[in-house]
Amino acid sequence: MGVDEAFQRRNLGRRLYKKLEEELLEDGVRMVIADTEGDNEEAISFFKAIGFSPRSEHIWLAKTLRRPVKVAPKGGRVKEILPEIMEAIE
């Protein structure tokens, strides 16, 4: 979630988050995780102000897995493998 600088300092972020949290609670969500750079003091202050707390006992690691894309065979059969290519990049 982010608010354009031109609209910051108007409680828009707080109001947006409040509405989001209401929807999440209705859907039975039990935890919300805020992810920001460690030196983004403005974001950290914002999240603390709306009830988030640091959880230093957790570390979040991520790895994006990419499937190899098939190369079109010689002979121009791109239309035949196009569905496979589209599936691979989704």
Protein backbone atom coordinates (compact mmCIF):
# COMPACT_ATOMS: atom_id res chain seq x y z
CA MET A 1 0.00 0.00 0.00
CA GLY A 2 1.31 3.41 -0.80
CA VAL A 3 0.02 6.95 -1.01
CA ASP A 4 1.33 9.41 -3.58
CA GLU A 5 3.37 12.19 -1.97
CA ALA A 6 0.86 14.78 -3.13
CA PHE A 7 -1.81 13.10 -0.98
CA GLN A 8 0.24 12.26 2.08
CA ARG A 9 -0.33 13.82 5.52
CA ARG A 10 -4.14 13.70 5.03
CA ASN A 11 -4.79 10.43 6.89
CA LEU A 12 -5.55 8.77 3.57
CA GLY A 13 -3.19 5.86 4.26
CA ARG A 14 -4.69 5.34 7.69
CA ARG A 15 -8.24 5.39 6.26
CA LEU A 16 -7.30 3.01 3.43
CA TYR A 17 -5.68 0.59 5.84
CA LYS A 18 -8.64 0.74 8.26
CA LYS A 19 -11.02 -0.22 5.44
CA LEU A 20 -8.67 -2.98 4.28
CA GLU A 21 -8.40 -4.36 7.82
CA GLU A 22 -12.20 -4.38 8.18
CA GLU A 23 -12.48 -6.44 5.00
CA LEU A 24 -9.71 -8.80 6.10
CA LEU A 25 -11.39 -9.37 9.47
CA GLU A 26 -14.69 -10.15 7.72
CA ASP A 27 -12.84 -12.72 5.60
CA GLY A 28 -11.32 -14.35 8.68
CA VAL A 29 -7.74 -13.20 8.12
CA ARG A 30 -5.75 -13.51 11.36
CA MET A 31 -2.45 -11.82 10.52
CA VAL A 32 -1.23 -8.97 8.34
CA ILE A 33 2.44 -8.57 7.51
CA ALA A 34 3.87 -5.22 6.45
CA ASP A 35 7.01 -5.38 4.34
CA THR A 36 9.25 -2.35 3.93
CA GLU A 37 12.91 -1.53 3.69
CA GLY A 38 14.68 -1.47 7.06
CA ASP A 39 15.71 2.17 6.61
CA ASN A 40 12.25 3.43 5.55
CA GLU A 41 11.58 5.23 8.84
CA GLU A 42 8.43 6.96 7.56
CA ALA A 43 6.80 3.65 6.63
CA ILE A 44 7.95 1.99 9.85
CA SER A 45 6.51 4.88 11.91
CA PHE A 46 3.25 4.68 9.97
CA PHE A 47 2.85 0.96 10.54
CA LYS A 48 3.73 1.24 14.22
CA ALA A 49 1.16 4.06 14.58
CA ILE A 50 -1.61 1.80 13.25
CA GLY A 51 -0.76 -1.08 15.55
CA PHE A 52 1.98 -3.10 13.85
CA SER A 53 4.91 -4.23 15.96
CA PRO A 54 8.38 -5.43 14.94
CA ARG A 55 8.82 -9.19 14.99
CA SER A 56 12.56 -9.64 15.03
CA GLU A 57 12.25 -13.33 15.87
CA HIS A 58 11.05 -13.94 12.31
CA ILE A 59 12.98 -13.65 9.10
CA TRP A 60 11.21 -13.63 5.75
CA LEU A 61 13.06 -15.11 2.81
CA ALA A 62 11.80 -15.22 -0.75
CA LYS A 63 12.84 -16.89 -3.94
CA THR A 64 11.16 -16.41 -7.30
CA LEU A 65 11.07 -19.58 -9.36
CA ARG A 66 10.96 -19.22 -13.10
CA ARG A 67 10.03 -21.99 -15.45
CA PRO A 68 12.08 -22.25 -18.65
CA VAL A 69 10.32 -20.87 -21.71
CA LYS A 70 10.16 -23.17 -24.71
CA VAL A 71 11.74 -21.81 -27.86
CA ALA A 72 9.65 -21.95 -31.02
CA PRO A 73 10.77 -24.84 -33.22
CA LYS A 74 12.15 -24.17 -36.65
CA GLY A 75 9.51 -24.11 -39.35
CA GLY A 76 7.35 -21.36 -37.89
CA ARG A 77 5.08 -23.42 -35.64
CA VAL A 78 4.73 -20.59 -33.11
CA LYS A 79 0.92 -20.85 -33.08
CA GLU A 80 1.20 -24.49 -32.04
CA ILE A 81 3.29 -23.79 -28.95
CA LEU A 82 1.90 -20.34 -28.07
CA PRO A 83 -0.39 -21.75 -25.33
CA GLU A 84 2.63 -23.44 -23.71
CA ILE A 85 4.64 -20.20 -23.87
CA MET A 86 1.80 -18.21 -22.33
CA GLU A 87 1.45 -20.77 -19.53
CA ALA A 88 5.17 -20.63 -18.83
CA ILE A 89 5.21 -16.85 -18.33
CA GLU A 90 2.09 -16.68 -16.14
